[in-house]
Amino acid sequence: MGLLTLPITLLSGSMFPLSNAPHWMQTFALALPPTYAVDLIRHHLAGVSFLNTIHPWLTLEMELLLLVAASITLVVIAIEMFKRTTVE
């Protein structure tokens, strides 16, 4: 599990700002839900939103909507996977 969570944590922008990252890494980070959570937290604590500067269409409301949609999707997938497990 650590092989998956460490890259996600590093690419979400929580350890270093994504503004210093290469363009391909910034694009890949947009596919990760923690990126939006980190950006929302950074905006509320420091007043700076990195994602809004590189993508003006990506407002804070859109980030919150994407984060909620990803959460709902992952919970539905987890429920379906749990239903398919068998106990012997």
C-alpha atoms as a PDB file:
ATOM      1  CA  MET A   1       0.000   0.000   0.000  1.00  0.00           C
ATOM      2  CA  GLY A   2       2.922   2.334   0.668  1.00  0.00           C
ATOM      3  CA  LEU A   3       3.956   2.013  -2.969  1.00  0.00           C
ATOM      4  CA  LEU A   4       0.715   3.707  -3.911  1.00  0.00           C
ATOM      5  CA  THR A   5       0.258   6.276  -1.154  1.00  0.00           C
ATOM      6  CA  LEU A   6       3.770   7.753  -1.178  1.00  0.00           C
ATOM      7  CA  PRO A   7       3.681   8.917  -4.833  1.00  0.00           C
ATOM      8  CA  ILE A   8       0.139  10.238  -4.391  1.00  0.00           C
ATOM      9  CA  THR A   9       1.203  12.200  -1.316  1.00  0.00           C
ATOM     10  CA  LEU A  10       4.277  13.607  -3.038  1.00  0.00           C
ATOM     11  CA  LEU A  11       2.419  14.505  -6.243  1.00  0.00           C
ATOM     12  CA  SER A  12      -0.528  16.140  -4.452  1.00  0.00           C
ATOM     13  CA  GLY A  13       1.503  19.225  -3.638  1.00  0.00           C
ATOM     14  CA  SER A  14       1.440  18.711   0.114  1.00  0.00           C
ATOM     15  CA  MET A  15       5.213  18.350   0.481  1.00  0.00           C
ATOM     16  CA  PHE A  16       6.350  20.879  -2.120  1.00  0.00           C
ATOM     17  CA  PRO A  17       4.532  23.395  -4.305  1.00  0.00           C
ATOM     18  CA  LEU A  18       3.418  22.130  -7.698  1.00  0.00           C
ATOM     19  CA  SER A  19       4.469  25.421  -9.278  1.00  0.00           C
ATOM     20  CA  ASN A  20       8.070  24.177  -9.185  1.00  0.00           C
ATOM     21  CA  ALA A  21       7.170  20.806 -10.726  1.00  0.00           C
ATOM     22  CA  PRO A  22       7.527  20.004 -14.446  1.00  0.00           C
ATOM     23  CA  HIS A  23       4.445  20.412 -16.636  1.00  0.00           C
ATOM     24  CA  TRP A  24       3.898  16.635 -17.004  1.00  0.00           C
ATOM     25  CA  MET A  25       3.893  16.261 -13.220  1.00  0.00           C
ATOM     26  CA  GLN A  26       1.392  19.105 -12.807  1.00  0.00           C
ATOM     27  CA  THR A  27      -0.884  17.442 -15.362  1.00  0.00           C
ATOM     28  CA  PHE A  28      -0.602  14.072 -13.600  1.00  0.00           C
ATOM     29  CA  ALA A  29      -1.352  15.716 -10.245  1.00  0.00           C
ATOM     30  CA  LEU A  30      -4.713  16.928 -11.591  1.00  0.00           C
ATOM     31  CA  ALA A  31      -5.851  13.288 -11.758  1.00  0.00           C
ATOM     32  CA  LEU A  32      -5.253  12.803  -8.025  1.00  0.00           C
ATOM     33  CA  PRO A  33      -8.061  13.748  -5.600  1.00  0.00           C
ATOM     34  CA  PRO A  34      -5.675  14.773  -2.772  1.00  0.00           C
ATOM     35  CA  THR A  35      -4.380  17.563  -5.026  1.00  0.00           C
ATOM     36  CA  TYR A  36      -7.743  19.305  -4.791  1.00  0.00           C
ATOM     37  CA  ALA A  37      -7.951  18.770  -1.029  1.00  0.00           C
ATOM     38  CA  VAL A  38      -4.472  20.236  -0.517  1.00  0.00           C
ATOM     39  CA  ASP A  39      -5.293  23.205  -2.732  1.00  0.00           C
ATOM     40  CA  LEU A  40      -8.545  23.914  -0.849  1.00  0.00           C
ATOM     41  CA  ILE A  41      -6.767  23.716   2.501  1.00  0.00           C
ATOM     42  CA  ARG A  42      -3.932  25.919   1.243  1.00  0.00           C
ATOM     43  CA  HIS A  43      -6.424  28.487  -0.008  1.00  0.00           C
ATOM     44  CA  HIS A  44      -8.278  28.656   3.307  1.00  0.00           C
ATOM     45  CA  LEU A  45      -5.112  28.815   5.409  1.00  0.00           C
ATOM     46  CA  ALA A  46      -2.844  30.985   3.258  1.00  0.00           C
ATOM     47  CA  GLY A  47      -5.203  32.572   0.738  1.00  0.00           C
ATOM     48  CA  VAL A  48      -3.280  31.103  -2.210  1.00  0.00           C
ATOM     49  CA  SER A  49      -4.779  28.687  -4.745  1.00  0.00           C
ATOM     50  CA  PHE A  50      -2.201  27.154  -7.078  1.00  0.00           C
ATOM     51  CA  LEU A  51      -4.646  25.299  -9.314  1.00  0.00           C
ATOM     52  CA  ASN A  52      -6.627  28.455 -10.004  1.00  0.00           C
ATOM     53  CA  THR A  53      -3.497  30.213 -11.259  1.00  0.00           C
ATOM     54  CA  ILE A  54      -2.654  27.553 -13.854  1.00  0.00           C
ATOM     55  CA  HIS A  55      -6.275  26.739 -14.763  1.00  0.00           C
ATOM     56  CA  PRO A  56      -8.562  29.787 -14.373  1.00  0.00           C
ATOM     57  CA  TRP A  57     -11.686  27.690 -15.014  1.00  0.00           C
ATOM     58  CA  LEU A  58     -10.878  25.588 -11.932  1.00  0.00           C
ATOM     59  CA  THR A  59     -12.603  27.587  -9.208  1.00  0.00           C
ATOM     60  CA  LEU A  60     -12.707  26.587  -5.570  1.00  0.00           C
ATOM     61  CA  GLU A  61     -16.306  25.435  -5.976  1.00  0.00           C
ATOM     62  CA  MET A  62     -15.244  23.217  -8.903  1.00  0.00           C
ATOM     63  CA  GLU A  63     -12.421  21.762  -6.798  1.00  0.00           C
ATOM     64  CA  LEU A  64     -14.858  20.958  -3.999  1.00  0.00           C
ATOM     65  CA  LEU A  65     -17.286  19.401  -6.475  1.00  0.00           C
ATOM     66  CA  LEU A  66     -14.522  17.230  -7.978  1.00  0.00           C
ATOM     67  CA  LEU A  67     -13.402  16.162  -4.516  1.00  0.00           C
ATOM     68  CA  VAL A  68     -16.946  15.190  -3.482  1.00  0.00           C
ATOM     69  CA  ALA A  69     -17.510  13.344  -6.774  1.00  0.00           C
ATOM     70  CA  ALA A  70     -14.269  11.393  -6.364  1.00  0.00           C
ATOM     71  CA  SER A  71     -15.178  10.525  -2.767  1.00  0.00           C
ATOM     72  CA  ILE A  72     -18.638   9.271  -3.720  1.00  0.00           C
ATOM     73  CA  THR A  73     -17.219   7.250  -6.620  1.00  0.00           C
ATOM     74  CA  LEU A  74     -14.570   5.604  -4.450  1.00  0.00           C
ATOM     75  CA  VAL A  75     -17.092   4.790  -1.699  1.00  0.00           C
ATOM     76  CA  VAL A  76     -19.418   3.140  -4.238  1.00  0.00           C
ATOM     77  CA  ILE A  77     -16.502   1.082  -5.606  1.00  0.00           C
ATOM     78  CA  ALA A  78     -15.518   0.059  -2.063  1.00  0.00           C
ATOM     79  CA  ILE A  79     -19.088  -0.999  -1.261  1.00  0.00           C
ATOM     80  CA  GLU A  80     -19.297  -3.128  -4.400  1.00  0.00           C
ATOM     81  CA  MET A  81     -15.946  -4.739  -3.660  1.00  0.00           C
ATOM     82  CA  PHE A  82     -17.039  -5.467  -0.088  1.00  0.00           C
ATOM     83  CA  LYS A  83     -20.270  -7.093  -1.302  1.00  0.00           C
ATOM     84  CA  ARG A  84     -18.253  -9.509  -3.438  1.00  0.00           C
ATOM     85  CA  THR A  85     -16.086 -10.751  -0.584  1.00  0.00           C
ATOM     86  CA  THR A  86     -16.961 -14.062   0.982  1.00  0.00           C
ATOM     87  CA  VAL A  87     -16.364 -15.203   4.524  1.00  0.00           C
ATOM     88  CA  GLU A  88     -15.626 -18.872   5.054  1.00  0.00           C
END
